[in-house]
Amino acid sequence: MTLPNQLTVLRIILSPVFLFFFLSEIIWMKQVSVAIYIVAALSDWYDGWLARKFNYITSWGKFWDPLADKILTSAAFIGFAVVDLIPWWMVIIIVGRDVIITLLRVFSDMKSYSFTTSYYAKWKTLLQMIFLYYLLILYVAQFTPEINSMYGETISAMLNEQLVFFVSLIITVITFHSGLLYVIRNWQIILKLFEIEN
Protein backbone atom coordinates (compact mmCIF):
# COMPACT_ATOMS: atom_id res chain seq x y z
CA MET A 1 0.00 0.00 0.00
CA THR A 2 1.39 3.40 -1.00
CA LEU A 3 2.07 6.11 1.59
CA PRO A 4 -0.88 8.30 0.46
CA ASN A 5 -3.21 5.34 0.90
CA GLN A 6 -1.74 4.64 4.33
CA LEU A 7 -2.47 8.25 5.27
CA THR A 8 -6.03 7.80 4.04
CA VAL A 9 -6.44 4.77 6.31
CA LEU A 10 -4.93 6.79 9.16
CA ARG A 11 -7.50 9.53 8.59
CA ILE A 12 -10.35 7.03 8.72
CA ILE A 13 -9.00 5.52 11.94
CA LEU A 14 -8.46 8.93 13.54
CA SER A 15 -12.04 10.06 12.87
CA PRO A 16 -13.74 7.93 15.57
CA VAL A 17 -10.69 8.45 17.83
CA PHE A 18 -11.19 12.21 17.51
CA LEU A 19 -14.89 11.87 18.30
CA PHE A 20 -14.18 9.73 21.37
CA PHE A 21 -11.67 12.25 22.76
CA PHE A 22 -13.85 15.25 21.87
CA LEU A 23 -16.90 13.86 23.69
CA SER A 24 -14.92 12.89 26.78
CA GLU A 25 -15.62 14.68 30.06
CA ILE A 26 -11.89 14.80 30.76
CA ILE A 27 -10.37 18.17 29.88
CA TRP A 28 -7.02 16.92 28.57
CA MET A 29 -8.79 14.49 26.25
CA LYS A 30 -10.84 17.32 24.78
CA GLN A 31 -7.62 19.25 24.24
CA VAL A 32 -5.99 16.27 22.56
CA SER A 33 -9.01 15.98 20.24
CA VAL A 34 -8.01 19.30 18.64
CA ALA A 35 -4.52 17.95 17.88
CA ILE A 36 -6.00 14.71 16.52
CA TYR A 37 -8.30 16.62 14.18
CA ILE A 38 -5.51 18.87 12.94
CA VAL A 39 -3.21 15.88 12.29
CA ALA A 40 -6.00 14.08 10.43
CA ALA A 41 -6.79 17.16 8.35
CA LEU A 42 -3.12 17.73 7.51
CA SER A 43 -2.82 14.09 6.42
CA ASP A 44 -5.47 14.86 3.79
CA TRP A 45 -3.39 17.69 2.35
CA TYR A 46 -0.16 15.69 2.54
CA ASP A 47 -1.45 12.50 0.91
CA GLY A 48 -2.93 14.57 -1.93
CA TRP A 49 0.39 16.33 -2.43
CA LEU A 50 2.29 13.01 -2.42
CA ALA A 51 -0.13 11.40 -4.85
CA ARG A 52 0.21 14.26 -7.33
CA LYS A 53 3.97 14.73 -6.97
CA PHE A 54 4.96 11.07 -7.23
CA ASN A 55 1.96 9.86 -9.25
CA TYR A 56 0.79 7.58 -6.43
CA ILE A 57 -2.72 7.57 -7.85
CA THR A 58 -4.56 4.28 -7.43
CA SER A 59 -8.15 3.08 -7.84
CA TRP A 60 -8.19 2.33 -4.13
CA GLY A 61 -7.11 5.88 -3.35
CA LYS A 62 -9.67 7.41 -5.70
CA PHE A 63 -12.40 5.50 -3.88
CA TRP A 64 -11.36 5.91 -0.25
CA ASP A 65 -9.64 9.31 -0.13
CA PRO A 66 -12.80 11.44 -0.66
CA LEU A 67 -14.76 9.15 1.65
CA ALA A 68 -12.10 9.52 4.34
CA ASP A 69 -12.45 13.31 4.09
CA LYS A 70 -16.21 13.11 4.59
CA ILE A 71 -15.85 10.63 7.45
CA LEU A 72 -13.58 13.11 9.24
CA THR A 73 -15.78 16.17 8.70
CA SER A 74 -18.90 14.15 9.50
CA ALA A 75 -17.36 13.06 12.80
CA ALA A 76 -16.81 16.72 13.71
CA PHE A 77 -20.34 17.78 12.76
CA ILE A 78 -21.82 14.83 14.67
CA GLY A 79 -19.72 15.73 17.69
CA PHE A 80 -21.03 19.28 17.64
CA ALA A 81 -24.60 18.01 17.43
CA VAL A 82 -24.04 15.71 20.42
CA VAL A 83 -22.83 18.64 22.55
CA ASP A 84 -25.76 20.78 21.30
CA LEU A 85 -23.71 23.32 19.38
CA ILE A 86 -25.49 22.56 16.09
CA PRO A 87 -29.05 21.20 15.67
CA TRP A 88 -29.24 17.60 14.54
CA TRP A 89 -31.43 18.41 11.54
CA MET A 90 -28.72 20.67 10.13
CA VAL A 91 -26.04 18.03 10.67
CA ILE A 92 -28.19 15.40 8.93
CA ILE A 93 -28.60 17.68 5.89
CA ILE A 94 -24.90 18.60 5.75
CA VAL A 95 -23.56 15.08 6.29
CA GLY A 96 -26.22 13.48 4.10
CA ARG A 97 -25.54 15.82 1.20
CA ASP A 98 -21.76 15.43 1.38
CA VAL A 99 -21.87 11.64 1.68
CA ILE A 100 -24.36 11.24 -1.20
CA ILE A 101 -22.44 13.56 -3.54
CA THR A 102 -19.12 11.93 -2.63
CA LEU A 103 -20.50 8.45 -3.32
CA LEU A 104 -21.87 9.64 -6.67
CA ARG A 105 -18.46 11.06 -7.59
CA VAL A 106 -16.69 7.87 -6.56
CA PHE A 107 -19.21 5.76 -8.48
CA SER A 108 -18.79 7.93 -11.58
CA ASP A 109 -15.00 7.58 -11.42
CA MET A 110 -15.38 3.80 -11.22
CA LYS A 111 -17.47 3.91 -14.42
CA SER A 112 -15.06 6.34 -16.12
CA TYR A 113 -17.42 9.29 -16.06
CA SER A 114 -16.32 12.71 -14.91
CA PHE A 115 -18.57 14.95 -12.84
CA THR A 116 -18.20 18.69 -13.33
CA THR A 117 -17.44 20.61 -10.16
CA SER A 118 -17.71 24.31 -9.45
CA TYR A 119 -15.93 26.92 -7.41
CA TYR A 120 -19.19 27.25 -5.49
CA ALA A 121 -18.81 23.69 -4.18
CA LYS A 122 -15.16 24.34 -3.33
CA TRP A 123 -16.10 27.48 -1.42
CA LYS A 124 -18.73 25.44 0.41
CA THR A 125 -16.05 23.02 1.56
CA LEU A 126 -13.77 25.88 2.61
CA LEU A 127 -16.57 27.50 4.64
CA GLN A 128 -17.32 24.19 6.32
CA MET A 129 -13.69 23.67 7.29
CA ILE A 130 -13.28 27.21 8.66
CA PHE A 131 -16.49 26.80 10.68
CA LEU A 132 -15.40 23.42 12.04
CA TYR A 133 -12.06 24.79 13.23
CA TYR A 134 -13.80 27.83 14.69
CA LEU A 135 -16.20 25.73 16.76
CA LEU A 136 -13.66 23.09 17.71
CA ILE A 137 -11.00 25.47 19.00
CA LEU A 138 -13.41 27.75 20.84
CA TYR A 139 -15.47 24.93 22.34
CA VAL A 140 -12.39 23.17 23.70
CA ALA A 141 -10.81 26.47 24.81
CA GLN A 142 -13.70 27.15 27.18
CA PHE A 143 -12.84 23.95 29.05
CA THR A 144 -9.22 25.03 29.45
CA PRO A 145 -9.02 26.97 32.75
CA GLU A 146 -5.96 29.03 31.81
CA ILE A 147 -7.53 30.24 28.58
CA ASN A 148 -11.05 30.58 29.92
CA SER A 149 -9.92 32.71 32.85
CA MET A 150 -8.39 35.24 30.45
CA TYR A 151 -10.74 35.12 27.48
CA GLY A 152 -13.90 33.56 28.91
CA GLU A 153 -16.21 36.44 27.99
CA THR A 154 -14.83 36.64 24.46
CA ILE A 155 -15.20 32.89 23.96
CA SER A 156 -18.77 32.96 25.28
CA ALA A 157 -19.61 35.80 22.90
CA MET A 158 -18.10 33.95 19.94
CA LEU A 159 -20.04 30.81 20.88
CA ASN A 160 -23.27 32.74 21.35
CA GLU A 161 -26.17 30.37 20.66
CA GLN A 162 -27.89 32.71 18.18
CA LEU A 163 -24.63 33.44 16.35
CA VAL A 164 -23.68 29.78 16.00
CA PHE A 165 -27.22 28.89 14.89
CA PHE A 166 -27.25 31.64 12.26
CA VAL A 167 -23.86 30.67 10.81
CA SER A 168 -24.82 26.97 10.94
CA LEU A 169 -28.02 27.77 9.07
CA ILE A 170 -26.14 29.65 6.35
CA ILE A 171 -23.69 26.77 5.90
CA THR A 172 -26.56 24.25 5.85
CA VAL A 173 -28.40 26.21 3.15
CA ILE A 174 -25.23 26.65 1.07
CA THR A 175 -24.37 22.95 1.45
CA PHE A 176 -27.85 21.82 0.40
CA HIS A 177 -28.03 24.33 -2.46
CA SER A 178 -24.61 23.38 -3.82
CA GLY A 179 -25.61 19.72 -3.69
CA LEU A 180 -28.82 20.44 -5.57
CA LEU A 181 -26.93 22.37 -8.25
CA TYR A 182 -24.38 19.57 -8.44
CA VAL A 183 -27.10 17.02 -9.16
CA ILE A 184 -28.80 19.27 -11.73
CA ARG A 185 -25.52 20.03 -13.50
CA ASN A 186 -24.58 16.34 -13.68
CA TRP A 187 -28.06 14.87 -14.12
CA GLN A 188 -27.36 13.28 -17.50
CA ILE A 189 -24.27 11.53 -16.11
CA ILE A 190 -26.26 10.33 -13.08
CA LEU A 191 -28.85 8.85 -15.44
CA LYS A 192 -26.07 7.03 -17.29
CA LEU A 193 -24.54 5.78 -14.03
CA PHE A 194 -27.74 4.02 -13.09
CA GLU A 195 -28.77 3.31 -16.68
CA ILE A 196 -32.01 5.21 -16.34
CA GLU A 197 -33.86 6.08 -19.48
CA ASN A 198 -35.20 9.59 -19.96
C-alpha atoms as a PDB file:
ATOM      1  CA  MET A   1       0.000   0.000   0.000  1.00  0.00           C
ATOM      2  CA  THR A   2       1.389   3.402  -0.997  1.00  0.00           C
ATOM      3  CA  LEU A   3       2.073   6.109   1.586  1.00  0.00           C
ATOM      4  CA  PRO A   4      -0.881   8.303   0.459  1.00  0.00           C
ATOM      5  CA  ASN A   5      -3.212   5.340   0.896  1.00  0.00           C
ATOM      6  CA  GLN A   6      -1.740   4.644   4.334  1.00  0.00           C
ATOM      7  CA  LEU A   7      -2.469   8.255   5.266  1.00  0.00           C
ATOM      8  CA  THR A   8      -6.031   7.802   4.040  1.00  0.00           C
ATOM      9  CA  VAL A   9      -6.436   4.770   6.310  1.00  0.00           C
ATOM     10  CA  LEU A  10      -4.935   6.786   9.162  1.00  0.00           C
ATOM     11  CA  ARG A  11      -7.503   9.531   8.592  1.00  0.00           C
ATOM     12  CA  ILE A  12     -10.353   7.029   8.725  1.00  0.00           C
ATOM     13  CA  ILE A  13      -8.995   5.517  11.945  1.00  0.00           C
ATOM     14  CA  LEU A  14      -8.459   8.926  13.538  1.00  0.00           C
ATOM     15  CA  SER A  15     -12.041  10.064  12.870  1.00  0.00           C
ATOM     16  CA  PRO A  16     -13.735   7.926  15.573  1.00  0.00           C
ATOM     17  CA  VAL A  17     -10.693   8.445  17.834  1.00  0.00           C
ATOM     18  CA  PHE A  18     -11.187  12.207  17.510  1.00  0.00           C
ATOM     19  CA  LEU A  19     -14.888  11.869  18.301  1.00  0.00           C
ATOM     20  CA  PHE A  20     -14.175   9.732  21.366  1.00  0.00           C
ATOM     21  CA  PHE A  21     -11.671  12.247  22.762  1.00  0.00           C
ATOM     22  CA  PHE A  22     -13.852  15.246  21.866  1.00  0.00           C
ATOM     23  CA  LEU A  23     -16.898  13.862  23.694  1.00  0.00           C
ATOM     24  CA  SER A  24     -14.918  12.891  26.783  1.00  0.00           C
ATOM     25  CA  GLU A  25     -15.621  14.681  30.061  1.00  0.00           C
ATOM     26  CA  ILE A  26     -11.888  14.799  30.757  1.00  0.00           C
ATOM     27  CA  ILE A  27     -10.370  18.171  29.880  1.00  0.00           C
ATOM     28  CA  TRP A  28      -7.023  16.923  28.571  1.00  0.00           C
ATOM     29  CA  MET A  29      -8.794  14.486  26.252  1.00  0.00           C
ATOM     30  CA  LYS A  30     -10.843  17.318  24.776  1.00  0.00           C
ATOM     31  CA  GLN A  31      -7.624  19.247  24.243  1.00  0.00           C
ATOM     32  CA  VAL A  32      -5.988  16.266  22.559  1.00  0.00           C
ATOM     33  CA  SER A  33      -9.009  15.983  20.242  1.00  0.00           C
ATOM     34  CA  VAL A  34      -8.006  19.296  18.638  1.00  0.00           C
ATOM     35  CA  ALA A  35      -4.524  17.954  17.877  1.00  0.00           C
ATOM     36  CA  ILE A  36      -5.995  14.711  16.517  1.00  0.00           C
ATOM     37  CA  TYR A  37      -8.302  16.616  14.184  1.00  0.00           C
ATOM     38  CA  ILE A  38      -5.505  18.871  12.939  1.00  0.00           C
ATOM     39  CA  VAL A  39      -3.215  15.884  12.288  1.00  0.00           C
ATOM     40  CA  ALA A  40      -6.000  14.082  10.426  1.00  0.00           C
ATOM     41  CA  ALA A  41      -6.795  17.162   8.348  1.00  0.00           C
ATOM     42  CA  LEU A  42      -3.117  17.728   7.511  1.00  0.00           C
ATOM     43  CA  SER A  43      -2.820  14.093   6.415  1.00  0.00           C
ATOM     44  CA  ASP A  44      -5.472  14.860   3.792  1.00  0.00           C
ATOM     45  CA  TRP A  45      -3.389  17.686   2.348  1.00  0.00           C
ATOM     46  CA  TYR A  46      -0.156  15.688   2.541  1.00  0.00           C
ATOM     47  CA  ASP A  47      -1.454  12.505   0.908  1.00  0.00           C
ATOM     48  CA  GLY A  48      -2.931  14.570  -1.925  1.00  0.00           C
ATOM     49  CA  TRP A  49       0.388  16.326  -2.430  1.00  0.00           C
ATOM     50  CA  LEU A  50       2.289  13.013  -2.419  1.00  0.00           C
ATOM     51  CA  ALA A  51      -0.133  11.399  -4.850  1.00  0.00           C
ATOM     52  CA  ARG A  52       0.213  14.257  -7.330  1.00  0.00           C
ATOM     53  CA  LYS A  53       3.973  14.732  -6.972  1.00  0.00           C
ATOM     54  CA  PHE A  54       4.958  11.069  -7.232  1.00  0.00           C
ATOM     55  CA  ASN A  55       1.955   9.864  -9.249  1.00  0.00           C
ATOM     56  CA  TYR A  56       0.786   7.577  -6.427  1.00  0.00           C
ATOM     57  CA  ILE A  57      -2.722   7.575  -7.851  1.00  0.00           C
ATOM     58  CA  THR A  58      -4.564   4.276  -7.433  1.00  0.00           C
ATOM     59  CA  SER A  59      -8.146   3.083  -7.837  1.00  0.00           C
ATOM     60  CA  TRP A  60      -8.191   2.331  -4.128  1.00  0.00           C
ATOM     61  CA  GLY A  61      -7.114   5.884  -3.345  1.00  0.00           C
ATOM     62  CA  LYS A  62      -9.673   7.413  -5.699  1.00  0.00           C
ATOM     63  CA  PHE A  63     -12.404   5.502  -3.878  1.00  0.00           C
ATOM     64  CA  TRP A  64     -11.357   5.910  -0.251  1.00  0.00           C
ATOM     65  CA  ASP A  65      -9.642   9.313  -0.132  1.00  0.00           C
ATOM     66  CA  PRO A  66     -12.795  11.439  -0.665  1.00  0.00           C
ATOM     67  CA  LEU A  67     -14.765   9.151   1.649  1.00  0.00           C
ATOM     68  CA  ALA A  68     -12.103   9.519   4.342  1.00  0.00           C
ATOM     69  CA  ASP A  69     -12.453  13.306   4.090  1.00  0.00           C
ATOM     70  CA  LYS A  70     -16.211  13.112   4.595  1.00  0.00           C
ATOM     71  CA  ILE A  71     -15.850  10.630   7.446  1.00  0.00           C
ATOM     72  CA  LEU A  72     -13.582  13.109   9.242  1.00  0.00           C
ATOM     73  CA  THR A  73     -15.780  16.171   8.699  1.00  0.00           C
ATOM     74  CA  SER A  74     -18.905  14.151   9.499  1.00  0.00           C
ATOM     75  CA  ALA A  75     -17.357  13.060  12.799  1.00  0.00           C
ATOM     76  CA  ALA A  76     -16.810  16.717  13.714  1.00  0.00           C
ATOM     77  CA  PHE A  77     -20.342  17.777  12.759  1.00  0.00           C
ATOM     78  CA  ILE A  78     -21.825  14.832  14.667  1.00  0.00           C
ATOM     79  CA  GLY A  79     -19.723  15.725  17.695  1.00  0.00           C
ATOM     80  CA  PHE A  80     -21.028  19.284  17.639  1.00  0.00           C
ATOM     81  CA  ALA A  81     -24.596  18.010  17.433  1.00  0.00           C
ATOM     82  CA  VAL A  82     -24.045  15.711  20.423  1.00  0.00           C
ATOM     83  CA  VAL A  83     -22.835  18.638  22.555  1.00  0.00           C
ATOM     84  CA  ASP A  84     -25.760  20.779  21.304  1.00  0.00           C
ATOM     85  CA  LEU A  85     -23.714  23.319  19.383  1.00  0.00           C
ATOM     86  CA  ILE A  86     -25.491  22.558  16.093  1.00  0.00           C
ATOM     87  CA  PRO A  87     -29.049  21.204  15.674  1.00  0.00           C
ATOM     88  CA  TRP A  88     -29.245  17.596  14.542  1.00  0.00           C
ATOM     89  CA  TRP A  89     -31.434  18.405  11.538  1.00  0.00           C
ATOM     90  CA  MET A  90     -28.717  20.665  10.130  1.00  0.00           C
ATOM     91  CA  VAL A  91     -26.040  18.027  10.667  1.00  0.00           C
ATOM     92  CA  ILE A  92     -28.192  15.403   8.931  1.00  0.00           C
ATOM     93  CA  ILE A  93     -28.598  17.681   5.889  1.00  0.00           C
ATOM     94  CA  ILE A  94     -24.895  18.603   5.745  1.00  0.00           C
ATOM     95  CA  VAL A  95     -23.557  15.084   6.294  1.00  0.00           C
ATOM     96  CA  GLY A  96     -26.216  13.478   4.100  1.00  0.00           C
ATOM     97  CA  ARG A  97     -25.539  15.822   1.199  1.00  0.00           C
ATOM     98  CA  ASP A  98     -21.760  15.432   1.383  1.00  0.00           C
ATOM     99  CA  VAL A  99     -21.874  11.639   1.678  1.00  0.00           C
ATOM    100  CA  ILE A 100     -24.364  11.244  -1.199  1.00  0.00           C
ATOM    101  CA  ILE A 101     -22.439  13.558  -3.545  1.00  0.00           C
ATOM    102  CA  THR A 102     -19.120  11.931  -2.629  1.00  0.00           C
ATOM    103  CA  LEU A 103     -20.503   8.447  -3.318  1.00  0.00           C
ATOM    104  CA  LEU A 104     -21.872   9.642  -6.672  1.00  0.00           C
ATOM    105  CA  ARG A 105     -18.464  11.062  -7.590  1.00  0.00           C
ATOM    106  CA  VAL A 106     -16.694   7.872  -6.560  1.00  0.00           C
ATOM    107  CA  PHE A 107     -19.207   5.756  -8.478  1.00  0.00           C
ATOM    108  CA  SER A 108     -18.794   7.932 -11.576  1.00  0.00           C
ATOM    109  CA  ASP A 109     -14.999   7.577 -11.424  1.00  0.00           C
ATOM    110  CA  MET A 110     -15.378   3.797 -11.219  1.00  0.00           C
ATOM    111  CA  LYS A 111     -17.472   3.906 -14.417  1.00  0.00           C
ATOM    112  CA  SER A 112     -15.056   6.336 -16.125  1.00  0.00           C
ATOM    113  CA  TYR A 113     -17.417   9.289 -16.055  1.00  0.00           C
ATOM    114  CA  SER A 114     -16.324  12.711 -14.911  1.00  0.00           C
ATOM    115  CA  PHE A 115     -18.567  14.952 -12.841  1.00  0.00           C
ATOM    116  CA  THR A 116     -18.202  18.689 -13.328  1.00  0.00           C
ATOM    117  CA  THR A 117     -17.444  20.606 -10.161  1.00  0.00           C
ATOM    118  CA  SER A 118     -17.715  24.311  -9.452  1.00  0.00           C
ATOM    119  CA  TYR A 119     -15.935  26.923  -7.410  1.00  0.00           C
ATOM    120  CA  TYR A 120     -19.189  27.251  -5.493  1.00  0.00           C
ATOM    121  CA  ALA A 121     -18.807  23.694  -4.181  1.00  0.00           C
ATOM    122  CA  LYS A 122     -15.158  24.343  -3.332  1.00  0.00           C
ATOM    123  CA  TRP A 123     -16.102  27.480  -1.422  1.00  0.00           C
ATOM    124  CA  LYS A 124     -18.733  25.443   0.408  1.00  0.00           C
ATOM    125  CA  THR A 125     -16.052  23.018   1.561  1.00  0.00           C
ATOM    126  CA  LEU A 126     -13.769  25.879   2.611  1.00  0.00           C
ATOM    127  CA  LEU A 127     -16.565  27.504   4.637  1.00  0.00           C
ATOM    128  CA  GLN A 128     -17.321  24.186   6.317  1.00  0.00           C
ATOM    129  CA  MET A 129     -13.687  23.667   7.292  1.00  0.00           C
ATOM    130  CA  ILE A 130     -13.280  27.211   8.664  1.00  0.00           C
ATOM    131  CA  PHE A 131     -16.488  26.801  10.677  1.00  0.00           C
ATOM    132  CA  LEU A 132     -15.398  23.416  12.037  1.00  0.00           C
ATOM    133  CA  TYR A 133     -12.056  24.787  13.227  1.00  0.00           C
ATOM    134  CA  TYR A 134     -13.804  27.831  14.687  1.00  0.00           C
ATOM    135  CA  LEU A 135     -16.204  25.729  16.755  1.00  0.00           C
ATOM    136  CA  LEU A 136     -13.659  23.086  17.712  1.00  0.00           C
ATOM    137  CA  ILE A 137     -11.003  25.469  18.999  1.00  0.00           C
ATOM    138  CA  LEU A 138     -13.408  27.748  20.845  1.00  0.00           C
ATOM    139  CA  TYR A 139     -15.466  24.926  22.337  1.00  0.00           C
ATOM    140  CA  VAL A 140     -12.390  23.171  23.703  1.00  0.00           C
ATOM    141  CA  ALA A 141     -10.812  26.467  24.814  1.00  0.00           C
ATOM    142  CA  GLN A 142     -13.702  27.154  27.178  1.00  0.00           C
ATOM    143  CA  PHE A 143     -12.837  23.946  29.046  1.00  0.00           C
ATOM    144  CA  THR A 144      -9.222  25.029  29.455  1.00  0.00           C
ATOM    145  CA  PRO A 145      -9.019  26.971  32.754  1.00  0.00           C
ATOM    146  CA  GLU A 146      -5.958  29.029  31.808  1.00  0.00           C
ATOM    147  CA  ILE A 147      -7.534  30.245  28.577  1.00  0.00           C
ATOM    148  CA  ASN A 148     -11.055  30.583  29.922  1.00  0.00           C
ATOM    149  CA  SER A 149      -9.923  32.707  32.851  1.00  0.00           C
ATOM    150  CA  MET A 150      -8.388  35.242  30.451  1.00  0.00           C
ATOM    151  CA  TYR A 151     -10.745  35.119  27.479  1.00  0.00           C
ATOM    152  CA  GLY A 152     -13.897  33.557  28.911  1.00  0.00           C
ATOM    153  CA  GLU A 153     -16.214  36.435  27.989  1.00  0.00           C
ATOM    154  CA  THR A 154     -14.832  36.638  24.461  1.00  0.00           C
ATOM    155  CA  ILE A 155     -15.197  32.890  23.960  1.00  0.00           C
ATOM    156  CA  SER A 156     -18.765  32.961  25.282  1.00  0.00           C
ATOM    157  CA  ALA A 157     -19.614  35.797  22.898  1.00  0.00           C
ATOM    158  CA  MET A 158     -18.100  33.945  19.936  1.00  0.00           C
ATOM    159  CA  LEU A 159     -20.037  30.807  20.884  1.00  0.00           C
ATOM    160  CA  ASN A 160     -23.272  32.736  21.354  1.00  0.00           C
ATOM    161  CA  GLU A 161     -26.166  30.374  20.657  1.00  0.00           C
ATOM    162  CA  GLN A 162     -27.885  32.709  18.180  1.00  0.00           C
ATOM    163  CA  LEU A 163     -24.633  33.444  16.346  1.00  0.00           C
ATOM    164  CA  VAL A 164     -23.680  29.779  16.001  1.00  0.00           C
ATOM    165  CA  PHE A 165     -27.223  28.887  14.894  1.00  0.00           C
ATOM    166  CA  PHE A 166     -27.250  31.641  12.261  1.00  0.00           C
ATOM    167  CA  VAL A 167     -23.861  30.668  10.805  1.00  0.00           C
ATOM    168  CA  SER A 168     -24.816  26.971  10.940  1.00  0.00           C
ATOM    169  CA  LEU A 169     -28.019  27.770   9.067  1.00  0.00           C
ATOM    170  CA  ILE A 170     -26.141  29.651   6.349  1.00  0.00           C
ATOM    171  CA  ILE A 171     -23.695  26.767   5.895  1.00  0.00           C
ATOM    172  CA  THR A 172     -26.558  24.252   5.853  1.00  0.00           C
ATOM    173  CA  VAL A 173     -28.398  26.214   3.155  1.00  0.00           C
ATOM    174  CA  ILE A 174     -25.231  26.647   1.070  1.00  0.00           C
ATOM    175  CA  THR A 175     -24.371  22.950   1.451  1.00  0.00           C
ATOM    176  CA  PHE A 176     -27.848  21.821   0.399  1.00  0.00           C
ATOM    177  CA  HIS A 177     -28.030  24.330  -2.459  1.00  0.00           C
ATOM    178  CA  SER A 178     -24.608  23.384  -3.816  1.00  0.00           C
ATOM    179  CA  GLY A 179     -25.608  19.717  -3.686  1.00  0.00           C
ATOM    180  CA  LEU A 180     -28.821  20.442  -5.567  1.00  0.00           C
ATOM    181  CA  LEU A 181     -26.934  22.375  -8.250  1.00  0.00           C
ATOM    182  CA  TYR A 182     -24.376  19.573  -8.436  1.00  0.00           C
ATOM    183  CA  VAL A 183     -27.096  17.023  -9.156  1.00  0.00           C
ATOM    184  CA  ILE A 184     -28.803  19.267 -11.729  1.00  0.00           C
ATOM    185  CA  ARG A 185     -25.524  20.032 -13.500  1.00  0.00           C
ATOM    186  CA  ASN A 186     -24.575  16.341 -13.676  1.00  0.00           C
ATOM    187  CA  TRP A 187     -28.056  14.870 -14.117  1.00  0.00           C
ATOM    188  CA  GLN A 188     -27.361  13.280 -17.497  1.00  0.00           C
ATOM    189  CA  ILE A 189     -24.271  11.534 -16.106  1.00  0.00           C
ATOM    190  CA  ILE A 190     -26.262  10.335 -13.084  1.00  0.00           C
ATOM    191  CA  LEU A 191     -28.847   8.849 -15.441  1.00  0.00           C
ATOM    192  CA  LYS A 192     -26.066   7.033 -17.290  1.00  0.00           C
ATOM    193  CA  LEU A 193     -24.543   5.777 -14.033  1.00  0.00           C
ATOM    194  CA  PHE A 194     -27.738   4.016 -13.090  1.00  0.00           C
ATOM    195  CA  GLU A 195     -28.765   3.315 -16.675  1.00  0.00           C
ATOM    196  CA  ILE A 196     -32.012   5.208 -16.339  1.00  0.00           C
ATOM    197  CA  GLU A 197     -33.864   6.075 -19.484  1.00  0.00           C
ATOM    198  CA  ASN A 198     -35.201   9.593 -19.964  1.00  0.00           C
END
